[in-house]
Amino acid sequence: MQRHVDGKLVDGALLYLDQKSGEVHRLHPVTAHPMIMTMGDHYVLCFDFRNDEGKNVPVDYYMARRNNEYVVFHTAVAERGLLKRLMSDGKIARLR
């Protein structure tokens, strides 16, 4: 997963297109070891990033297993509400 995150960085930052403003923001990785959650047969990895102004921005990667590898099928940037809703519905649990 770390290779996936590193592979998406441009000059050390994850580029994020704000759907409301249409602006491209640079997000810098903060968390070296993400929180890992399970969602049935799938996983959610929760990373912390920081924007250029120093504000924390959560990034959640939803992953599925494909043979001997994992594939990201959804990336939620600054959408922690989705994760919280799925957790409150009992669809996601923290992996211990």
Protein backbone atom coordinates (compact mmCIF):
# COMPACT_ATOMS: atom_id res chain seq x y z
CA MET A 1 0.00 0.00 0.00
CA GLN A 2 2.84 2.37 0.77
CA ARG A 3 4.07 1.83 -2.80
CA HIS A 4 0.60 2.78 -4.08
CA VAL A 5 0.62 6.02 -2.07
CA ASP A 6 4.21 6.83 -3.07
CA GLY A 7 3.41 6.07 -6.71
CA LYS A 8 0.62 8.67 -6.72
CA LEU A 9 2.76 11.50 -5.35
CA VAL A 10 3.80 14.37 -7.61
CA ASP A 11 6.85 16.20 -6.23
CA GLY A 12 6.15 14.62 -2.83
CA ALA A 13 2.45 15.51 -2.70
CA LEU A 14 -0.86 13.86 -3.51
CA LEU A 15 -2.78 16.11 -5.88
CA TYR A 16 -6.45 16.54 -5.01
CA LEU A 17 -9.06 18.24 -7.19
CA ASP A 18 -11.56 20.09 -5.01
CA GLN A 19 -14.92 19.36 -6.65
CA LYS A 20 -16.52 22.52 -5.28
CA SER A 21 -13.88 25.11 -6.16
CA GLY A 22 -12.18 23.32 -9.07
CA GLU A 23 -8.79 24.04 -7.46
CA VAL A 24 -5.96 21.52 -7.28
CA HIS A 25 -4.57 21.10 -3.76
CA ARG A 26 -1.32 19.47 -2.70
CA LEU A 27 -1.57 17.01 0.18
CA HIS A 28 1.58 15.85 1.96
CA PRO A 29 1.68 12.43 3.68
CA VAL A 30 1.97 12.55 7.48
CA THR A 31 1.14 9.01 8.63
CA ALA A 32 3.75 6.34 7.98
CA HIS A 33 1.55 3.54 9.33
CA PRO A 34 -2.15 3.88 8.47
CA MET A 35 -5.08 2.66 10.53
CA ILE A 36 -6.43 -0.52 8.91
CA MET A 37 -10.13 -1.38 8.89
CA THR A 38 -12.02 -4.37 7.49
CA MET A 39 -15.16 -4.14 5.37
CA GLY A 40 -16.23 -7.71 4.73
CA ASP A 41 -13.69 -9.11 2.28
CA HIS A 42 -12.29 -5.62 1.67
CA TYR A 43 -10.05 -3.26 3.61
CA VAL A 44 -9.90 0.45 4.33
CA LEU A 45 -6.58 2.14 5.06
CA CYS A 46 -6.85 5.53 6.73
CA PHE A 47 -3.95 7.93 6.18
CA ASP A 48 -3.36 11.44 7.45
CA PHE A 49 -2.16 14.06 5.00
CA ARG A 50 -1.55 17.78 5.45
CA ASN A 51 -2.31 20.52 2.94
CA ASP A 52 0.02 23.44 2.10
CA GLU A 53 -1.59 25.52 4.87
CA GLY A 54 -0.79 22.83 7.47
CA LYS A 55 -4.39 21.61 7.89
CA ASN A 56 -4.86 17.86 8.39
CA VAL A 57 -6.79 16.13 5.61
CA PRO A 58 -7.88 12.48 5.99
CA VAL A 59 -7.46 10.17 2.99
CA ASP A 60 -9.11 6.74 3.07
CA TYR A 61 -8.21 4.05 0.56
CA TYR A 62 -10.81 1.31 -0.01
CA MET A 63 -9.11 -1.85 -1.26
CA ALA A 64 -9.99 -5.27 -2.68
CA ARG A 65 -7.80 -8.32 -3.04
CA ARG A 66 -7.00 -9.46 -6.58
CA ASN A 67 -5.01 -12.70 -6.64
CA ASN A 68 -1.84 -11.97 -4.63
CA GLU A 69 -2.19 -8.18 -4.62
CA TYR A 70 -4.54 -5.43 -3.47
CA VAL A 71 -6.28 -2.92 -5.71
CA VAL A 72 -7.61 0.47 -4.61
CA PHE A 73 -11.21 0.74 -5.82
CA HIS A 74 -12.11 4.01 -4.09
CA THR A 75 -10.16 6.90 -2.60
CA ALA A 76 -12.00 9.24 -0.23
CA VAL A 77 -10.22 12.57 0.28
CA ALA A 78 -11.63 14.71 3.11
CA GLU A 79 -14.72 12.46 3.19
CA ARG A 80 -14.41 10.98 6.67
CA GLY A 81 -18.23 11.08 6.96
CA LEU A 82 -18.44 8.10 4.61
CA LEU A 83 -16.17 6.01 6.83
CA LYS A 84 -18.01 7.07 10.00
CA ARG A 85 -21.39 6.19 8.45
CA LEU A 86 -20.17 2.76 7.36
CA MET A 87 -18.74 2.17 10.84
CA SER A 88 -21.97 3.20 12.58
CA ASP A 89 -23.90 0.88 10.21
CA GLY A 90 -21.61 -1.97 11.33
CA LYS A 91 -20.15 -2.43 7.84
CA ILE A 92 -16.57 -1.51 8.82
CA ALA A 93 -14.57 -2.59 11.87
CA ARG A 94 -11.08 -1.76 13.06
CA LEU A 95 -8.56 -4.54 12.37
CA ARG A 96 -6.67 -5.54 15.50
